[in-house]
C-alpha atoms as a PDB file:
ATOM      1  CA  MET A   1     113.785  91.221 102.762  1.00  0.00           C
ATOM      2  CA  ILE A   2     114.768  93.094 105.906  1.00  0.00           C
ATOM      3  CA  GLY A   3     111.257  94.509 106.139  1.00  0.00           C
ATOM      4  CA  GLY A   4     109.737  91.040 105.988  1.00  0.00           C
ATOM      5  CA  LEU A   5     112.010  89.761 108.737  1.00  0.00           C
ATOM      6  CA  ILE A   6     111.110  92.750 110.889  1.00  0.00           C
ATOM      7  CA  ALA A   7     107.402  92.082 110.247  1.00  0.00           C
ATOM      8  CA  ILE A   8     107.791  88.455 111.344  1.00  0.00           C
ATOM      9  CA  ALA A   9     109.612  89.563 114.485  1.00  0.00           C
ATOM     10  CA  ILE A  10     106.846  92.074 115.253  1.00  0.00           C
ATOM     11  CA  ALA A  11     104.159  89.405 114.799  1.00  0.00           C
ATOM     12  CA  ILE A  12     105.966  87.090 117.206  1.00  0.00           C
ATOM     13  CA  TRP A  13     106.555  89.945 119.659  1.00  0.00           C
ATOM     14  CA  PHE A  14     102.884  90.956 119.685  1.00  0.00           C
ATOM     15  CA  TYR A  15     101.664  87.357 119.842  1.00  0.00           C
ATOM     16  CA  ARG A  16     103.900  86.491 122.789  1.00  0.00           C
ATOM     17  CA  THR A  17     102.918  89.687 124.622  1.00  0.00           C
ATOM     18  CA  ALA A  18      99.216  88.913 124.152  1.00  0.00           C
ATOM     19  CA  VAL A  19      99.723  85.375 125.431  1.00  0.00           C
ATOM     20  CA  GLN A  20     101.756  86.669 128.374  1.00  0.00           C
ATOM     21  CA  ILE A  21      99.012  89.080 129.453  1.00  0.00           C
ATOM     22  CA  GLN A  22      96.418  86.338 128.797  1.00  0.00           C
ATOM     23  CA  ASP A  23      94.551  88.259 126.130  1.00  0.00           C
ATOM     24  CA  PRO A  24      92.119  85.927 124.319  1.00  0.00           C
ATOM     25  CA  ARG A  25      93.064  87.340 120.870  1.00  0.00           C
ATOM     26  CA  PRO A  26      96.817  86.892 120.297  1.00  0.00           C
ATOM     27  CA  VAL A  27      96.475  86.482 116.510  1.00  0.00           C
ATOM     28  CA  PHE A  28      94.449  89.701 116.339  1.00  0.00           C
ATOM     29  CA  TRP A  29      97.237  91.575 118.084  1.00  0.00           C
ATOM     30  CA  ALA A  30      99.930  90.006 115.891  1.00  0.00           C
ATOM     31  CA  VAL A  31      98.082  91.106 112.758  1.00  0.00           C
ATOM     32  CA  ASN A  32      97.562  94.602 114.150  1.00  0.00           C
ATOM     33  CA  GLY A  33     101.244  94.966 114.986  1.00  0.00           C
ATOM     34  CA  VAL A  34     102.315  93.940 111.497  1.00  0.00           C
ATOM     35  CA  ALA A  35      99.660  96.185 109.927  1.00  0.00           C
ATOM     36  CA  ALA A  36     100.848  99.202 111.916  1.00  0.00           C
ATOM     37  CA  TYR A  37     104.422  98.515 110.820  1.00  0.00           C
ATOM     38  CA  TYR A  38     103.570  98.097 107.146  1.00  0.00           C
ATOM     39  CA  ILE A  39     101.324 101.175 107.032  1.00  0.00           C
ATOM     40  CA  VAL A  40     104.214 103.381 108.124  1.00  0.00           C
ATOM     41  CA  VAL A  41     106.681 101.668 105.798  1.00  0.00           C
ATOM     42  CA  PHE A  42     104.276 102.033 102.862  1.00  0.00           C
ATOM     43  CA  VAL A  43     103.556 105.704 103.548  1.00  0.00           C
ATOM     44  CA  TRP A  44     107.302 106.335 103.965  1.00  0.00           C
ATOM     45  CA  TRP A  45     107.942 104.611 100.650  1.00  0.00           C
ATOM     46  CA  ILE A  46     105.301 106.693  98.821  1.00  0.00           C
ATOM     47  CA  LEU A  47     106.054 110.080 100.376  1.00  0.00           C
ATOM     48  CA  VAL A  48     109.819 109.974 100.945  1.00  0.00           C
ATOM     49  CA  LEU A  49     111.665 107.073  99.396  1.00  0.00           C
ATOM     50  CA  LYS A  50     110.125 107.101  95.923  1.00  0.00           C
ATOM     51  CA  PRO A  51     110.709 110.832  95.311  1.00  0.00           C
ATOM     52  CA  ALA A  52     114.190 110.690  96.867  1.00  0.00           C
ATOM     53  CA  SER A  53     115.226 107.700  94.791  1.00  0.00           C
ATOM     54  CA  ALA A  54     114.674 109.698  91.616  1.00  0.00           C
ATOM     55  CA  SER A  55     117.115 112.386  92.721  1.00  0.00           C
ATOM     56  CA  LEU A  56     119.579 110.055  94.464  1.00  0.00           C
ATOM     57  CA  HIS A  57     119.618 107.390  91.763  1.00  0.00           C
ATOM     58  CA  HIS A  58     123.178 108.182  90.701  1.00  0.00           C
ATOM     59  CA  GLY A  59     125.775 108.583  93.408  1.00  0.00           C
ATOM     60  CA  GLY A  60     123.570 108.667  96.478  1.00  0.00           C
ATOM     61  CA  THR A  61     123.452 105.000  97.409  1.00  0.00           C
ATOM     62  CA  MET A  62     124.389 105.527 101.061  1.00  0.00           C
ATOM     63  CA  LYS A  63     121.739 108.219 101.472  1.00  0.00           C
ATOM     64  CA  LEU A  64     119.187 105.999  99.773  1.00  0.00           C
ATOM     65  CA  TYR A  65     120.110 103.099 102.053  1.00  0.00           C
ATOM     66  CA  ALA A  66     119.790 105.392 105.083  1.00  0.00           C
ATOM     67  CA  LEU A  67     116.305 106.386 103.916  1.00  0.00           C
ATOM     68  CA  HIS A  68     115.344 102.710 103.618  1.00  0.00           C
ATOM     69  CA  VAL A  69     116.545 102.021 107.152  1.00  0.00           C
ATOM     70  CA  ALA A  70     114.764 105.130 108.463  1.00  0.00           C
ATOM     71  CA  GLY A  71     111.468 103.818 107.084  1.00  0.00           C
ATOM     72  CA  TYR A  72     111.960 100.494 108.860  1.00  0.00           C
ATOM     73  CA  ALA A  73     112.884 102.308 112.063  1.00  0.00           C
ATOM     74  CA  LEU A  74     109.760 104.474 111.931  1.00  0.00           C
ATOM     75  CA  GLY A  75     107.596 101.410 111.338  1.00  0.00           C
ATOM     76  CA  LEU A  76     109.205  99.653 114.279  1.00  0.00           C
ATOM     77  CA  LEU A  77     108.717 102.741 116.428  1.00  0.00           C
ATOM     78  CA  LEU A  78     105.006 102.848 115.622  1.00  0.00           C
ATOM     79  CA  ALA A  79     104.674  99.115 116.339  1.00  0.00           C
ATOM     80  CA  TRP A  80     106.360  99.667 119.716  1.00  0.00           C
ATOM     81  CA  PHE A  81     103.944 102.536 120.413  1.00  0.00           C
ATOM     82  CA  VAL A  82     100.897 100.416 119.490  1.00  0.00           C
ATOM     83  CA  ARG A  83     102.152  97.609 121.731  1.00  0.00           C
ATOM     84  CA  LYS A  84     102.779  99.966 124.651  1.00  0.00           C
ATOM     85  CA  ARG A  85      99.650 102.048 124.231  1.00  0.00           C
ATOM     86  CA  TRP A  86      96.982  99.467 123.393  1.00  0.00           C
ATOM     87  CA  LEU A  87      98.215  95.910 123.824  1.00  0.00           C
ATOM     88  CA  ALA A  88     100.025  96.314 127.148  1.00  0.00           C
ATOM     89  CA  SER A  89      97.277  98.586 128.484  1.00  0.00           C
ATOM     90  CA  SER A  90      94.622  95.982 127.668  1.00  0.00           C
ATOM     91  CA  ALA A  91      96.165  93.790 130.373  1.00  0.00           C
ATOM     92  CA  GLY A  92      94.902  96.197 133.015  1.00  0.00           C
ATOM     93  CA  GLU A  93      91.398  96.152 131.566  1.00  0.00           C
ATOM     94  CA  SER A  94      91.057  92.366 131.527  1.00  0.00           C
ATOM     95  CA  SER A  95      92.141  91.944 135.160  1.00  0.00           C
END
C-alpha cells in the first residue's frame, strides 16, 4: 500500500514538473517516473527482499520492515534522479 501511494505521488510530481516546464508530454513523463520507481522496487524485491524474508521470517520483523522501506527509498531515489537528469534537463532543450 505504501508503494502504491509513493507511485501516485511520483506520477503527480512528474506530471506537474512537465507542465511547469511546458513539456508537451506530461503523461509520458508521469508514466516514466512511475516505471523507474517500480523497476527498482521489483528488482529489490527479487534480489534482496525475497531471499531475506526466508531467513528473517521468524524473529526478524524489524529488519524485514527496514528492507521494505529501503526498497521504497531506492525507488524514490531513482525517480528523483530520472526527474533531475532527463525531465528537468529537457526544459533547457525546448527553450
